[in-house]
N, C-alpha and C. Protein backbone atom coordinates (compact mmCIF):
# COMPACT_ATOMS: atom_id res chain seq x y z
N MET A 1 -8.15 12.33 -21.04
CA MET A 1 -8.02 12.11 -22.47
C MET A 1 -7.59 10.67 -22.70
N SER A 2 -8.34 9.92 -23.45
CA SER A 2 -8.04 8.53 -23.72
C SER A 2 -6.94 8.42 -24.78
N LEU A 3 -6.12 7.41 -24.65
CA LEU A 3 -5.03 7.20 -25.60
C LEU A 3 -5.41 6.25 -26.73
N THR A 4 -6.68 5.89 -26.86
CA THR A 4 -7.13 5.00 -27.92
C THR A 4 -6.83 5.61 -29.28
N GLU A 5 -6.36 4.78 -30.20
CA GLU A 5 -6.03 5.18 -31.57
C GLU A 5 -4.96 6.26 -31.64
N THR A 6 -3.97 6.19 -30.75
CA THR A 6 -2.82 7.09 -30.81
C THR A 6 -1.56 6.25 -30.96
N TYR A 7 -0.49 6.89 -31.35
CA TYR A 7 0.77 6.20 -31.57
C TYR A 7 1.86 6.85 -30.73
N SER A 8 2.91 6.11 -30.48
CA SER A 8 4.01 6.63 -29.68
C SER A 8 5.33 6.11 -30.21
N ARG A 9 6.41 6.75 -29.79
CA ARG A 9 7.78 6.31 -30.09
C ARG A 9 8.58 6.39 -28.81
N VAL A 10 9.66 5.63 -28.76
CA VAL A 10 10.50 5.61 -27.56
C VAL A 10 11.92 6.00 -27.93
N HIS A 11 12.51 6.91 -27.15
CA HIS A 11 13.92 7.28 -27.32
C HIS A 11 14.76 6.36 -26.45
N VAL A 12 15.74 5.69 -27.03
CA VAL A 12 16.69 4.88 -26.29
C VAL A 12 18.08 5.34 -26.72
N GLY A 13 18.72 6.09 -25.83
CA GLY A 13 20.00 6.69 -26.20
C GLY A 13 19.79 7.68 -27.32
N LYS A 14 20.49 7.47 -28.45
CA LYS A 14 20.35 8.35 -29.61
C LYS A 14 19.37 7.79 -30.63
N ASN A 15 18.83 6.61 -30.38
CA ASN A 15 17.93 5.95 -31.32
C ASN A 15 16.47 6.22 -30.96
N VAL A 16 15.63 6.25 -32.00
CA VAL A 16 14.19 6.40 -31.82
C VAL A 16 13.52 5.17 -32.43
N SER A 17 12.60 4.59 -31.67
CA SER A 17 11.93 3.38 -32.15
C SER A 17 10.94 3.72 -33.26
N ASP A 18 10.43 2.67 -33.92
CA ASP A 18 9.35 2.84 -34.87
C ASP A 18 8.08 3.20 -34.11
N ARG A 19 7.10 3.75 -34.82
CA ARG A 19 5.82 4.05 -34.19
C ARG A 19 5.13 2.75 -33.78
N PHE A 20 4.46 2.79 -32.65
CA PHE A 20 3.64 1.66 -32.23
C PHE A 20 2.32 2.19 -31.67
N PRO A 21 1.24 1.42 -31.85
CA PRO A 21 -0.07 1.91 -31.42
C PRO A 21 -0.27 1.78 -29.91
N ILE A 22 -0.97 2.73 -29.34
CA ILE A 22 -1.43 2.65 -27.95
C ILE A 22 -2.88 2.18 -28.03
N ARG A 23 -3.15 1.03 -27.47
CA ARG A 23 -4.48 0.45 -27.61
C ARG A 23 -5.47 0.93 -26.55
N ASN A 24 -4.98 1.22 -25.35
CA ASN A 24 -5.87 1.73 -24.31
C ASN A 24 -5.03 2.43 -23.24
N GLY A 25 -5.69 3.13 -22.34
CA GLY A 25 -4.98 3.80 -21.25
C GLY A 25 -5.25 5.29 -21.23
N LEU A 26 -4.59 5.94 -20.29
CA LEU A 26 -4.70 7.37 -20.12
C LEU A 26 -3.30 7.97 -20.06
N LYS A 27 -3.20 9.24 -20.39
CA LYS A 27 -1.90 9.90 -20.29
C LYS A 27 -1.47 9.95 -18.83
N GLN A 28 -0.17 9.82 -18.61
CA GLN A 28 0.36 9.90 -17.26
C GLN A 28 0.06 11.28 -16.70
N GLY A 29 -0.45 11.31 -15.47
CA GLY A 29 -0.79 12.56 -14.83
C GLY A 29 -2.22 13.02 -15.11
N ASP A 30 -2.95 12.28 -15.93
CA ASP A 30 -4.34 12.64 -16.22
C ASP A 30 -5.17 12.58 -14.94
N ALA A 31 -6.04 13.54 -14.73
CA ALA A 31 -6.84 13.62 -13.51
C ALA A 31 -7.81 12.44 -13.37
N LEU A 32 -8.17 11.81 -14.48
CA LEU A 32 -9.08 10.67 -14.41
C LEU A 32 -8.41 9.39 -13.91
N THR A 33 -7.09 9.31 -14.03
CA THR A 33 -6.39 8.06 -13.71
C THR A 33 -6.67 7.55 -12.31
N PRO A 34 -6.47 8.34 -11.24
CA PRO A 34 -6.73 7.79 -9.90
C PRO A 34 -8.20 7.45 -9.68
N LEU A 35 -9.10 8.23 -10.28
CA LEU A 35 -10.52 7.97 -10.12
C LEU A 35 -10.91 6.63 -10.76
N LEU A 36 -10.45 6.40 -11.98
CA LEU A 36 -10.75 5.14 -12.66
C LEU A 36 -10.10 3.95 -11.95
N PHE A 37 -8.87 4.14 -11.47
CA PHE A 37 -8.21 3.07 -10.72
C PHE A 37 -9.01 2.73 -9.47
N ASN A 38 -9.47 3.76 -8.74
CA ASN A 38 -10.25 3.51 -7.52
C ASN A 38 -11.55 2.77 -7.83
N PHE A 39 -12.22 3.13 -8.93
CA PHE A 39 -13.44 2.41 -9.32
C PHE A 39 -13.13 0.93 -9.58
N ALA A 40 -12.06 0.68 -10.31
CA ALA A 40 -11.70 -0.70 -10.65
C ALA A 40 -11.32 -1.49 -9.40
N LEU A 41 -10.52 -0.89 -8.53
CA LEU A 41 -10.10 -1.58 -7.31
C LEU A 41 -11.28 -1.81 -6.38
N GLU A 42 -12.18 -0.86 -6.31
CA GLU A 42 -13.38 -1.01 -5.48
C GLU A 42 -14.20 -2.22 -5.93
N TYR A 43 -14.32 -2.40 -7.24
CA TYR A 43 -15.03 -3.56 -7.78
C TYR A 43 -14.36 -4.86 -7.32
N ALA A 44 -13.03 -4.90 -7.45
CA ALA A 44 -12.29 -6.11 -7.06
C ALA A 44 -12.43 -6.38 -5.57
N ILE A 45 -12.36 -5.34 -4.76
CA ILE A 45 -12.47 -5.51 -3.30
C ILE A 45 -13.86 -6.01 -2.93
N ARG A 46 -14.88 -5.49 -3.56
CA ARG A 46 -16.24 -5.95 -3.26
C ARG A 46 -16.42 -7.42 -3.64
N ARG A 47 -15.73 -7.87 -4.68
CA ARG A 47 -15.79 -9.29 -5.05
C ARG A 47 -15.18 -10.16 -3.95
N VAL A 48 -14.12 -9.69 -3.32
CA VAL A 48 -13.49 -10.46 -2.24
C VAL A 48 -14.36 -10.42 -1.00
N GLN A 49 -15.06 -9.33 -0.76
CA GLN A 49 -15.89 -9.19 0.43
C GLN A 49 -17.05 -10.18 0.48
N VAL A 50 -17.31 -10.85 -0.63
CA VAL A 50 -18.39 -11.83 -0.67
C VAL A 50 -18.11 -12.97 0.29
N ASN A 51 -16.84 -13.37 0.44
CA ASN A 51 -16.46 -14.43 1.37
C ASN A 51 -16.47 -13.85 2.78
N GLN A 52 -17.41 -14.26 3.59
CA GLN A 52 -17.57 -13.68 4.93
C GLN A 52 -17.00 -14.58 6.02
N ASP A 53 -16.14 -15.53 5.68
CA ASP A 53 -15.60 -16.46 6.67
C ASP A 53 -14.43 -15.89 7.46
N GLY A 54 -13.80 -14.86 6.99
CA GLY A 54 -12.57 -14.38 7.59
C GLY A 54 -12.76 -13.46 8.77
N LEU A 55 -11.69 -12.80 9.12
CA LEU A 55 -11.62 -11.89 10.24
C LEU A 55 -12.48 -10.66 9.99
N LYS A 56 -13.17 -10.19 11.01
CA LYS A 56 -14.00 -9.00 10.88
C LYS A 56 -13.39 -7.90 11.74
N LEU A 57 -13.16 -6.73 11.12
CA LEU A 57 -12.55 -5.60 11.81
C LEU A 57 -13.40 -4.37 11.55
N ASN A 58 -13.96 -3.78 12.60
CA ASN A 58 -14.84 -2.61 12.46
C ASN A 58 -15.97 -2.85 11.46
N GLY A 59 -16.53 -4.04 11.47
CA GLY A 59 -17.65 -4.35 10.60
C GLY A 59 -17.26 -4.69 9.17
N ILE A 60 -15.96 -4.68 8.85
CA ILE A 60 -15.51 -4.97 7.50
C ILE A 60 -14.74 -6.29 7.52
N HIS A 61 -15.02 -7.12 6.54
CA HIS A 61 -14.36 -8.42 6.45
C HIS A 61 -13.13 -8.37 5.56
N GLN A 62 -12.07 -8.98 5.97
CA GLN A 62 -10.90 -9.37 5.18
C GLN A 62 -9.98 -8.32 4.59
N LEU A 63 -10.40 -7.12 4.27
CA LEU A 63 -9.52 -6.21 3.54
C LEU A 63 -9.43 -4.82 4.15
N LEU A 64 -8.22 -4.28 4.12
CA LEU A 64 -7.97 -2.87 4.40
C LEU A 64 -7.36 -2.32 3.13
N ALA A 65 -7.88 -1.24 2.61
CA ALA A 65 -7.35 -0.71 1.36
C ALA A 65 -7.27 0.80 1.42
N TYR A 66 -6.17 1.32 0.90
CA TYR A 66 -5.99 2.75 0.73
C TYR A 66 -5.16 2.94 -0.52
N ALA A 67 -5.74 3.58 -1.53
CA ALA A 67 -5.09 3.75 -2.83
C ALA A 67 -4.68 2.37 -3.35
N HIS A 68 -3.40 2.14 -3.63
CA HIS A 68 -2.98 0.85 -4.17
C HIS A 68 -2.47 -0.10 -3.09
N ASP A 69 -2.49 0.33 -1.82
CA ASP A 69 -2.08 -0.54 -0.72
C ASP A 69 -3.29 -1.32 -0.22
N VAL A 70 -3.24 -2.64 -0.38
CA VAL A 70 -4.34 -3.50 0.04
C VAL A 70 -3.78 -4.52 1.01
N ASN A 71 -4.44 -4.67 2.16
CA ASN A 71 -4.05 -5.67 3.15
C ASN A 71 -5.19 -6.64 3.31
N ILE A 72 -4.87 -7.92 3.16
CA ILE A 72 -5.86 -8.98 3.28
C ILE A 72 -5.73 -9.56 4.68
N LEU A 73 -6.86 -9.63 5.37
CA LEU A 73 -6.89 -10.17 6.72
C LEU A 73 -7.52 -11.55 6.68
N GLY A 74 -7.16 -12.38 7.65
CA GLY A 74 -7.76 -13.69 7.72
C GLY A 74 -7.60 -14.29 9.08
N GLY A 75 -8.57 -15.05 9.51
CA GLY A 75 -8.50 -15.72 10.80
C GLY A 75 -7.57 -16.91 10.78
N GLY A 76 -7.19 -17.37 9.61
CA GLY A 76 -6.28 -18.49 9.46
C GLY A 76 -5.59 -18.42 8.11
N ILE A 77 -4.57 -19.24 7.93
CA ILE A 77 -3.78 -19.20 6.70
C ILE A 77 -4.62 -19.60 5.49
N HIS A 78 -5.60 -20.51 5.70
CA HIS A 78 -6.43 -20.96 4.57
C HIS A 78 -7.38 -19.85 4.12
N THR A 79 -7.95 -19.11 5.06
CA THR A 79 -8.82 -17.98 4.71
C THR A 79 -8.01 -16.91 3.99
N LEU A 80 -6.81 -16.66 4.48
CA LEU A 80 -5.91 -15.69 3.85
C LEU A 80 -5.63 -16.09 2.40
N GLN A 81 -5.32 -17.37 2.19
CA GLN A 81 -5.04 -17.89 0.85
C GLN A 81 -6.26 -17.73 -0.06
N GLU A 82 -7.44 -18.09 0.43
CA GLU A 82 -8.66 -17.99 -0.37
C GLU A 82 -8.96 -16.55 -0.76
N ASN A 83 -8.79 -15.63 0.21
CA ASN A 83 -9.07 -14.22 -0.07
C ASN A 83 -8.05 -13.62 -1.03
N ALA A 84 -6.80 -14.04 -0.92
CA ALA A 84 -5.78 -13.58 -1.86
C ALA A 84 -6.09 -14.08 -3.27
N GLU A 85 -6.49 -15.34 -3.39
CA GLU A 85 -6.86 -15.90 -4.68
C GLU A 85 -8.06 -15.15 -5.28
N ALA A 86 -9.05 -14.83 -4.43
CA ALA A 86 -10.22 -14.10 -4.90
C ALA A 86 -9.84 -12.71 -5.39
N LEU A 87 -8.93 -12.04 -4.68
CA LEU A 87 -8.50 -10.70 -5.09
C LEU A 87 -7.74 -10.75 -6.42
N VAL A 88 -6.84 -11.72 -6.56
CA VAL A 88 -6.08 -11.86 -7.81
C VAL A 88 -7.02 -12.14 -8.97
N ALA A 89 -7.99 -13.02 -8.77
CA ALA A 89 -8.95 -13.36 -9.84
C ALA A 89 -9.80 -12.14 -10.21
N ALA A 90 -10.27 -11.40 -9.22
CA ALA A 90 -11.12 -10.23 -9.49
C ALA A 90 -10.33 -9.13 -10.19
N THR A 91 -9.07 -8.92 -9.80
CA THR A 91 -8.27 -7.87 -10.45
C THR A 91 -7.92 -8.28 -11.87
N ARG A 92 -7.62 -9.55 -12.08
CA ARG A 92 -7.29 -10.04 -13.42
C ARG A 92 -8.49 -9.86 -14.36
N GLU A 93 -9.68 -10.08 -13.83
CA GLU A 93 -10.90 -9.97 -14.62
C GLU A 93 -11.09 -8.56 -15.19
N ILE A 94 -10.61 -7.55 -14.47
CA ILE A 94 -10.79 -6.16 -14.93
C ILE A 94 -9.52 -5.55 -15.49
N GLY A 95 -8.48 -6.37 -15.64
CA GLY A 95 -7.27 -5.89 -16.29
C GLY A 95 -6.20 -5.36 -15.35
N LEU A 96 -6.38 -5.48 -14.04
CA LEU A 96 -5.34 -5.09 -13.09
C LEU A 96 -4.50 -6.31 -12.75
N GLU A 97 -3.32 -6.08 -12.24
CA GLU A 97 -2.42 -7.18 -11.91
C GLU A 97 -1.84 -6.97 -10.51
N VAL A 98 -1.85 -8.02 -9.69
CA VAL A 98 -1.22 -7.97 -8.37
C VAL A 98 0.26 -8.22 -8.56
N SER A 99 1.09 -7.31 -8.08
CA SER A 99 2.54 -7.42 -8.23
C SER A 99 3.08 -8.42 -7.21
N ALA A 100 3.51 -9.58 -7.68
CA ALA A 100 3.99 -10.64 -6.77
C ALA A 100 5.25 -10.25 -6.03
N ASP A 101 6.15 -9.49 -6.67
CA ASP A 101 7.39 -9.13 -5.98
C ASP A 101 7.18 -8.03 -4.95
N ARG A 102 6.05 -7.32 -5.00
CA ARG A 102 5.76 -6.29 -4.00
C ARG A 102 4.72 -6.77 -2.99
N THR A 103 4.26 -8.01 -3.12
CA THR A 103 3.22 -8.53 -2.24
C THR A 103 3.85 -9.40 -1.17
N LYS A 104 3.53 -9.09 0.06
CA LYS A 104 4.06 -9.82 1.22
C LYS A 104 2.88 -10.25 2.08
N TYR A 105 3.15 -11.17 3.00
CA TYR A 105 2.09 -11.51 3.95
C TYR A 105 2.68 -11.66 5.34
N MET A 106 1.82 -11.39 6.32
CA MET A 106 2.19 -11.52 7.71
C MET A 106 1.03 -12.21 8.41
N PHE A 107 1.35 -13.19 9.20
CA PHE A 107 0.34 -13.95 9.91
C PHE A 107 0.48 -13.63 11.39
N VAL A 108 -0.55 -13.03 11.98
CA VAL A 108 -0.52 -12.67 13.39
C VAL A 108 -1.21 -13.76 14.19
N SER A 109 -0.49 -14.31 15.14
CA SER A 109 -1.03 -15.39 15.95
C SER A 109 -0.31 -15.41 17.29
N ARG A 110 -0.89 -16.07 18.26
CA ARG A 110 -0.19 -16.23 19.54
C ARG A 110 1.01 -17.15 19.37
N ASP A 111 0.94 -18.03 18.39
CA ASP A 111 2.07 -18.91 18.06
C ASP A 111 3.05 -18.11 17.21
N GLN A 112 4.25 -17.85 17.73
CA GLN A 112 5.24 -17.00 17.06
C GLN A 112 5.63 -17.50 15.67
N ASN A 113 5.58 -18.81 15.43
CA ASN A 113 6.01 -19.37 14.15
C ASN A 113 4.85 -19.77 13.25
N ALA A 114 3.65 -19.30 13.55
CA ALA A 114 2.45 -19.78 12.85
C ALA A 114 2.50 -19.59 11.34
N GLY A 115 2.86 -18.43 10.84
CA GLY A 115 2.79 -18.17 9.42
C GLY A 115 4.04 -18.55 8.65
N GLN A 116 5.15 -18.76 9.35
CA GLN A 116 6.42 -19.00 8.68
C GLN A 116 6.45 -20.28 7.87
N ASN A 117 5.76 -21.30 8.34
CA ASN A 117 5.84 -22.60 7.69
C ASN A 117 4.88 -22.74 6.51
N HIS A 118 4.04 -21.75 6.29
CA HIS A 118 3.09 -21.80 5.19
C HIS A 118 3.57 -20.86 4.08
N SER A 119 3.33 -21.27 2.87
CA SER A 119 3.62 -20.36 1.76
C SER A 119 2.30 -20.00 1.10
N VAL A 120 2.17 -18.75 0.77
CA VAL A 120 0.97 -18.30 0.06
C VAL A 120 1.35 -18.25 -1.41
N ARG A 121 0.79 -19.20 -2.17
CA ARG A 121 1.06 -19.30 -3.60
C ARG A 121 -0.23 -19.08 -4.37
N ILE A 122 -0.13 -18.24 -5.39
CA ILE A 122 -1.25 -18.01 -6.28
C ILE A 122 -0.69 -18.06 -7.69
N ASP A 123 -1.28 -18.91 -8.51
CA ASP A 123 -0.78 -19.17 -9.85
C ASP A 123 0.69 -19.59 -9.74
N ASN A 124 1.59 -18.88 -10.36
CA ASN A 124 3.01 -19.22 -10.30
C ASN A 124 3.78 -18.31 -9.36
N SER A 125 3.09 -17.57 -8.52
CA SER A 125 3.74 -16.60 -7.64
C SER A 125 3.67 -17.06 -6.19
N THR A 126 4.78 -16.89 -5.48
CA THR A 126 4.82 -17.15 -4.05
C THR A 126 5.04 -15.83 -3.35
N PHE A 127 4.20 -15.55 -2.36
CA PHE A 127 4.31 -14.30 -1.63
C PHE A 127 5.24 -14.49 -0.43
N GLU A 128 6.05 -13.48 -0.19
CA GLU A 128 7.05 -13.53 0.88
C GLU A 128 6.41 -13.27 2.25
N TRP A 129 6.84 -14.02 3.27
CA TRP A 129 6.39 -13.84 4.64
C TRP A 129 7.27 -12.77 5.29
N VAL A 130 6.66 -11.84 6.03
CA VAL A 130 7.41 -10.79 6.72
C VAL A 130 7.00 -10.73 8.19
N GLU A 131 7.89 -10.21 9.02
CA GLU A 131 7.61 -10.07 10.44
C GLU A 131 6.98 -8.72 10.77
N GLU A 132 7.10 -7.77 9.84
CA GLU A 132 6.49 -6.46 10.03
C GLU A 132 6.27 -5.80 8.68
N PHE A 133 5.34 -4.85 8.64
CA PHE A 133 5.14 -4.06 7.43
C PHE A 133 4.56 -2.72 7.83
N LYS A 134 4.67 -1.77 6.91
CA LYS A 134 4.16 -0.43 7.15
C LYS A 134 2.85 -0.26 6.39
N TYR A 135 1.83 0.22 7.06
CA TYR A 135 0.54 0.50 6.43
C TYR A 135 0.08 1.88 6.88
N LEU A 136 -0.11 2.77 5.91
CA LEU A 136 -0.51 4.15 6.18
C LEU A 136 0.42 4.81 7.19
N GLY A 137 1.72 4.53 7.07
CA GLY A 137 2.72 5.17 7.91
C GLY A 137 2.91 4.53 9.27
N THR A 138 2.17 3.47 9.58
CA THR A 138 2.27 2.81 10.87
C THR A 138 2.89 1.44 10.68
N THR A 139 3.88 1.11 11.52
CA THR A 139 4.53 -0.19 11.45
C THR A 139 3.74 -1.21 12.26
N LEU A 140 3.33 -2.29 11.60
CA LEU A 140 2.62 -3.38 12.27
C LEU A 140 3.57 -4.57 12.36
N THR A 141 3.60 -5.23 13.52
CA THR A 141 4.51 -6.36 13.73
C THR A 141 3.73 -7.60 14.14
N ILE A 142 4.37 -8.77 13.99
CA ILE A 142 3.70 -10.02 14.38
C ILE A 142 3.49 -10.10 15.89
N GLN A 143 4.32 -9.39 16.66
CA GLN A 143 4.14 -9.37 18.11
C GLN A 143 3.15 -8.29 18.54
N ASN A 144 2.64 -7.51 17.57
CA ASN A 144 1.73 -6.40 17.84
C ASN A 144 2.37 -5.42 18.83
N SER A 145 3.66 -5.15 18.62
CA SER A 145 4.43 -4.30 19.51
C SER A 145 4.41 -2.86 19.03
N ILE A 146 4.17 -1.94 19.95
CA ILE A 146 4.15 -0.52 19.63
C ILE A 146 5.55 0.07 19.76
N ARG A 147 6.47 -0.64 20.37
CA ARG A 147 7.83 -0.15 20.63
C ARG A 147 8.53 0.27 19.33
N GLU A 148 8.47 -0.57 18.30
CA GLU A 148 9.11 -0.24 17.03
C GLU A 148 8.46 0.96 16.35
N GLU A 149 7.15 1.08 16.50
CA GLU A 149 6.44 2.22 15.93
C GLU A 149 6.89 3.52 16.59
N ILE A 150 7.05 3.51 17.90
CA ILE A 150 7.51 4.71 18.62
C ILE A 150 8.92 5.07 18.19
N LYS A 151 9.81 4.08 18.09
CA LYS A 151 11.19 4.33 17.63
C LYS A 151 11.19 4.94 16.23
N SER A 152 10.37 4.40 15.34
CA SER A 152 10.29 4.89 13.96
C SER A 152 9.83 6.35 13.92
N ARG A 153 8.83 6.68 14.71
CA ARG A 153 8.32 8.06 14.73
C ARG A 153 9.35 9.02 15.32
N LEU A 154 10.09 8.58 16.33
CA LEU A 154 11.15 9.43 16.89
C LEU A 154 12.25 9.67 15.86
N ARG A 155 12.62 8.59 15.12
CA ARG A 155 13.65 8.74 14.08
C ARG A 155 13.23 9.74 13.01
N SER A 156 11.95 9.75 12.64
CA SER A 156 11.51 10.68 11.62
C SER A 156 11.23 12.07 12.19
N GLY A 157 10.88 12.18 13.48
CA GLY A 157 10.57 13.47 14.08
C GLY A 157 11.79 14.27 14.49
N ASN A 158 12.84 13.58 14.92
CA ASN A 158 14.04 14.29 15.38
C ASN A 158 14.65 15.20 14.32
N PRO A 159 14.82 14.76 13.07
CA PRO A 159 15.37 15.67 12.06
C PRO A 159 14.48 16.91 11.84
N CYS A 160 13.15 16.72 11.92
CA CYS A 160 12.25 17.87 11.76
C CYS A 160 12.47 18.88 12.87
N TYR A 161 12.56 18.38 14.09
CA TYR A 161 12.76 19.28 15.23
C TYR A 161 14.10 20.01 15.11
N HIS A 162 15.15 19.27 14.78
CA HIS A 162 16.48 19.89 14.68
C HIS A 162 16.57 20.90 13.54
N SER A 163 15.74 20.72 12.51
CA SER A 163 15.76 21.68 11.39
C SER A 163 15.20 23.04 11.79
N VAL A 164 14.34 23.09 12.80
CA VAL A 164 13.77 24.37 13.25
C VAL A 164 14.23 24.76 14.65
N GLN A 165 15.19 24.05 15.17
CA GLN A 165 15.66 24.30 16.54
C GLN A 165 16.14 25.75 16.71
N ASN A 166 16.84 26.30 15.72
CA ASN A 166 17.31 27.68 15.82
C ASN A 166 16.15 28.66 15.89
N LEU A 167 15.10 28.41 15.14
CA LEU A 167 13.92 29.28 15.19
C LEU A 167 13.26 29.23 16.56
N LEU A 168 13.16 28.02 17.11
CA LEU A 168 12.49 27.84 18.40
C LEU A 168 13.26 28.47 19.56
N SER A 169 14.56 28.59 19.41
CA SER A 169 15.37 29.20 20.49
C SER A 169 15.65 30.68 20.24
N SER A 170 15.18 31.22 19.14
CA SER A 170 15.42 32.63 18.79
C SER A 170 14.58 33.56 19.67
N ARG A 171 15.17 34.67 20.07
CA ARG A 171 14.45 35.68 20.85
C ARG A 171 13.69 36.64 19.95
N LEU A 172 13.90 36.54 18.65
CA LEU A 172 13.22 37.42 17.70
C LEU A 172 11.77 37.02 17.45
N LEU A 173 11.44 35.76 17.72
CA LEU A 173 10.08 35.26 17.47
C LEU A 173 9.29 35.19 18.77
N SER A 174 8.01 35.49 18.66
CA SER A 174 7.14 35.43 19.83
C SER A 174 6.89 33.97 20.23
N ARG A 175 6.48 33.80 21.46
CA ARG A 175 6.18 32.45 21.97
C ARG A 175 5.02 31.83 21.17
N LYS A 176 4.04 32.65 20.84
CA LYS A 176 2.87 32.19 20.09
C LYS A 176 3.30 31.65 18.71
N LEU A 177 4.20 32.36 18.03
CA LEU A 177 4.69 31.94 16.72
C LEU A 177 5.52 30.66 16.84
N LYS A 178 6.31 30.55 17.89
CA LYS A 178 7.11 29.34 18.12
C LYS A 178 6.20 28.12 18.33
N ILE A 179 5.12 28.32 19.03
CA ILE A 179 4.17 27.22 19.25
C ILE A 179 3.55 26.79 17.92
N LYS A 180 3.20 27.77 17.07
CA LYS A 180 2.66 27.44 15.74
C LYS A 180 3.67 26.65 14.93
N ILE A 181 4.92 27.07 14.95
CA ILE A 181 5.98 26.35 14.21
C ILE A 181 6.11 24.94 14.74
N TYR A 182 6.13 24.78 16.06
CA TYR A 182 6.29 23.47 16.68
C TYR A 182 5.15 22.56 16.30
N ARG A 183 3.94 23.07 16.29
CA ARG A 183 2.76 22.24 15.97
C ARG A 183 2.76 21.81 14.51
N THR A 184 3.33 22.61 13.62
CA THR A 184 3.35 22.21 12.21
C THR A 184 4.35 21.10 11.93
N ILE A 185 5.39 20.97 12.75
CA ILE A 185 6.37 19.91 12.49
C ILE A 185 5.98 18.61 13.16
N ILE A 186 5.02 18.66 14.06
CA ILE A 186 4.61 17.42 14.76
C ILE A 186 3.65 16.64 13.93
């Protein structure tokens, strides 16, 4: 349901604001919202894919995207900067905005300090450099180390195991049922 030509009010404490018009958008929780967002983001991503100079991963150039998480890849800091600028321009064109305070960058190189000395600036925003980030539940680091990922998974798995430990040691449950329980927490 579109919110065009509708009005709203805001409660702040005990006060209610005057009516104000809603010019565009969808109601929060509307089933069309994620679908329309995906269409818009897909358009922006395809605009960035036009630049074929960057890093190629599994036949795809420059971007990894899942829902609103987008990762820009580049063979060098200049390619990364160009692709970030292209993404910001394409999203702005369709009314989306890249959140500068939630946008970070990581430069993977054999040189440990390669990305630290460069700043990625677009318009008036500077993106923060990080040594690691999480993408789709997996921690990626500049050293490409799996050690931190294993530690992270153990930290999240141990509470799950301990929450069902009494069930797994119970003599009332069959071995087959215990195996099913164990597999669901993994």
